[in-house]
Amino acid sequence: MNADFEKKFGNNIRICREKANVTQETLSAKLQLVGCDITCSAVAKAEVGQRHVYPDEIKLIKEILSVSYDDLFNVK
């Protein structure tokens, strides 16, 4: 993926997380509870496009935040 897409995608994660009133710490903890080893720092880096988000992480983030893939991937 290109850097511009990563930044927009990460920003969408942040927007969805904030709409759900979930902190980065809480998102990280919930991901860890379902077997995804991701730190709060990694969530923060993903949200600004400095860390690649893997497919299994995307699926779990979608489920935890109760959003659609369109919500996460709408990067127009």
C-alpha atoms as a PDB file:
ATOM      1  CA  MET A   1       0.000   0.000   0.000  1.00  0.00           C
ATOM      2  CA  ASN A   2       1.125   3.536  -0.509  1.00  0.00           C
ATOM      3  CA  ALA A   3       1.830   5.967   2.310  1.00  0.00           C
ATOM      4  CA  ASP A   4      -1.090   8.274   1.463  1.00  0.00           C
ATOM      5  CA  PHE A   5      -3.548   5.382   1.633  1.00  0.00           C
ATOM      6  CA  GLU A   6      -2.056   4.167   4.928  1.00  0.00           C
ATOM      7  CA  LYS A   7      -2.521   7.644   6.457  1.00  0.00           C
ATOM      8  CA  LYS A   8      -6.126   7.928   5.282  1.00  0.00           C
ATOM      9  CA  PHE A   9      -6.923   4.386   6.395  1.00  0.00           C
ATOM     10  CA  GLY A  10      -5.347   5.008   9.801  1.00  0.00           C
ATOM     11  CA  ASN A  11      -7.312   8.231  10.158  1.00  0.00           C
ATOM     12  CA  ASN A  12     -10.512   6.283   9.442  1.00  0.00           C
ATOM     13  CA  ILE A  13      -9.628   3.891  12.257  1.00  0.00           C
ATOM     14  CA  ARG A  14      -9.170   6.876  14.574  1.00  0.00           C
ATOM     15  CA  ILE A  15     -12.480   8.431  13.504  1.00  0.00           C
ATOM     16  CA  CYS A  16     -14.358   5.156  14.010  1.00  0.00           C
ATOM     17  CA  ARG A  17     -12.655   4.580  17.358  1.00  0.00           C
ATOM     18  CA  GLU A  18     -13.523   8.056  18.593  1.00  0.00           C
ATOM     19  CA  LYS A  19     -17.141   7.748  17.400  1.00  0.00           C
ATOM     20  CA  ALA A  20     -17.368   4.536  19.425  1.00  0.00           C
ATOM     21  CA  ASN A  21     -15.920   6.387  22.462  1.00  0.00           C
ATOM     22  CA  VAL A  22     -13.056   3.896  22.682  1.00  0.00           C
ATOM     23  CA  THR A  23      -9.541   4.925  23.686  1.00  0.00           C
ATOM     24  CA  GLN A  24      -6.425   3.591  22.001  1.00  0.00           C
ATOM     25  CA  GLU A  25      -5.655   1.742  25.216  1.00  0.00           C
ATOM     26  CA  THR A  26      -9.074   0.096  25.284  1.00  0.00           C
ATOM     27  CA  LEU A  27      -8.906  -0.872  21.612  1.00  0.00           C
ATOM     28  CA  SER A  28      -5.482  -2.398  22.164  1.00  0.00           C
ATOM     29  CA  ALA A  29      -6.707  -4.316  25.227  1.00  0.00           C
ATOM     30  CA  LYS A  30      -9.777  -5.636  23.397  1.00  0.00           C
ATOM     31  CA  LEU A  31      -7.620  -6.733  20.465  1.00  0.00           C
ATOM     32  CA  GLN A  32      -5.277  -8.534  22.865  1.00  0.00           C
ATOM     33  CA  LEU A  33      -8.211 -10.299  24.535  1.00  0.00           C
ATOM     34  CA  VAL A  34      -9.150 -11.874  21.197  1.00  0.00           C
ATOM     35  CA  GLY A  35      -5.592 -12.974  20.463  1.00  0.00           C
ATOM     36  CA  CYS A  36      -4.218 -10.049  18.468  1.00  0.00           C
ATOM     37  CA  ASP A  37      -0.887  -9.035  19.994  1.00  0.00           C
ATOM     38  CA  ILE A  38      -0.969  -5.272  19.406  1.00  0.00           C
ATOM     39  CA  THR A  39       0.177  -2.585  21.808  1.00  0.00           C
ATOM     40  CA  CYS A  40      -1.356   0.813  22.411  1.00  0.00           C
ATOM     41  CA  SER A  41       1.700   2.318  20.724  1.00  0.00           C
ATOM     42  CA  ALA A  42       1.070   0.168  17.640  1.00  0.00           C
ATOM     43  CA  VAL A  43      -2.549   1.357  17.504  1.00  0.00           C
ATOM     44  CA  ALA A  44      -1.336   4.971  17.683  1.00  0.00           C
ATOM     45  CA  LYS A  45       1.191   4.369  14.893  1.00  0.00           C
ATOM     46  CA  ALA A  46      -1.445   2.678  12.728  1.00  0.00           C
ATOM     47  CA  GLU A  47      -3.766   5.644  13.153  1.00  0.00           C
ATOM     48  CA  VAL A  48      -1.173   8.023  11.721  1.00  0.00           C
ATOM     49  CA  GLY A  49      -0.066   5.674   8.952  1.00  0.00           C
ATOM     50  CA  GLN A  50       3.283   4.728  10.465  1.00  0.00           C
ATOM     51  CA  ARG A  51       2.403   1.050  10.917  1.00  0.00           C
ATOM     52  CA  HIS A  52       0.860  -1.396   8.484  1.00  0.00           C
ATOM     53  CA  VAL A  53      -2.445  -2.897   9.653  1.00  0.00           C
ATOM     54  CA  TYR A  54      -2.724  -6.596   8.848  1.00  0.00           C
ATOM     55  CA  PRO A  55      -5.896  -8.255   7.517  1.00  0.00           C
ATOM     56  CA  ASP A  56      -6.628 -10.122  10.750  1.00  0.00           C
ATOM     57  CA  GLU A  57      -6.268  -6.862  12.688  1.00  0.00           C
ATOM     58  CA  ILE A  58      -8.614  -5.056  10.283  1.00  0.00           C
ATOM     59  CA  LYS A  59     -11.272  -7.727  10.759  1.00  0.00           C
ATOM     60  CA  LEU A  60     -11.030  -7.536  14.543  1.00  0.00           C
ATOM     61  CA  ILE A  61     -11.008  -3.716  14.605  1.00  0.00           C
ATOM     62  CA  LYS A  62     -14.147  -3.760  12.450  1.00  0.00           C
ATOM     63  CA  GLU A  63     -15.856  -6.134  14.867  1.00  0.00           C
ATOM     64  CA  ILE A  64     -14.732  -4.388  18.062  1.00  0.00           C
ATOM     65  CA  LEU A  65     -15.762  -0.934  16.847  1.00  0.00           C
ATOM     66  CA  SER A  66     -18.946  -2.247  15.194  1.00  0.00           C
ATOM     67  CA  VAL A  67     -18.211  -0.540  11.894  1.00  0.00           C
ATOM     68  CA  SER A  68     -18.288  -1.652   8.279  1.00  0.00           C
ATOM     69  CA  TYR A  69     -15.363  -2.251   5.980  1.00  0.00           C
ATOM     70  CA  ASP A  70     -16.613   0.759   4.011  1.00  0.00           C
ATOM     71  CA  ASP A  71     -16.191   2.902   7.133  1.00  0.00           C
ATOM     72  CA  LEU A  72     -12.564   1.808   7.383  1.00  0.00           C
ATOM     73  CA  PHE A  73     -11.627   1.781   3.699  1.00  0.00           C
ATOM     74  CA  ASN A  74     -13.411   4.932   2.479  1.00  0.00           C
ATOM     75  CA  VAL A  75     -10.257   6.926   1.669  1.00  0.00           C
ATOM     76  CA  LYS A  76     -11.453   9.288  -1.059  1.00  0.00           C
END
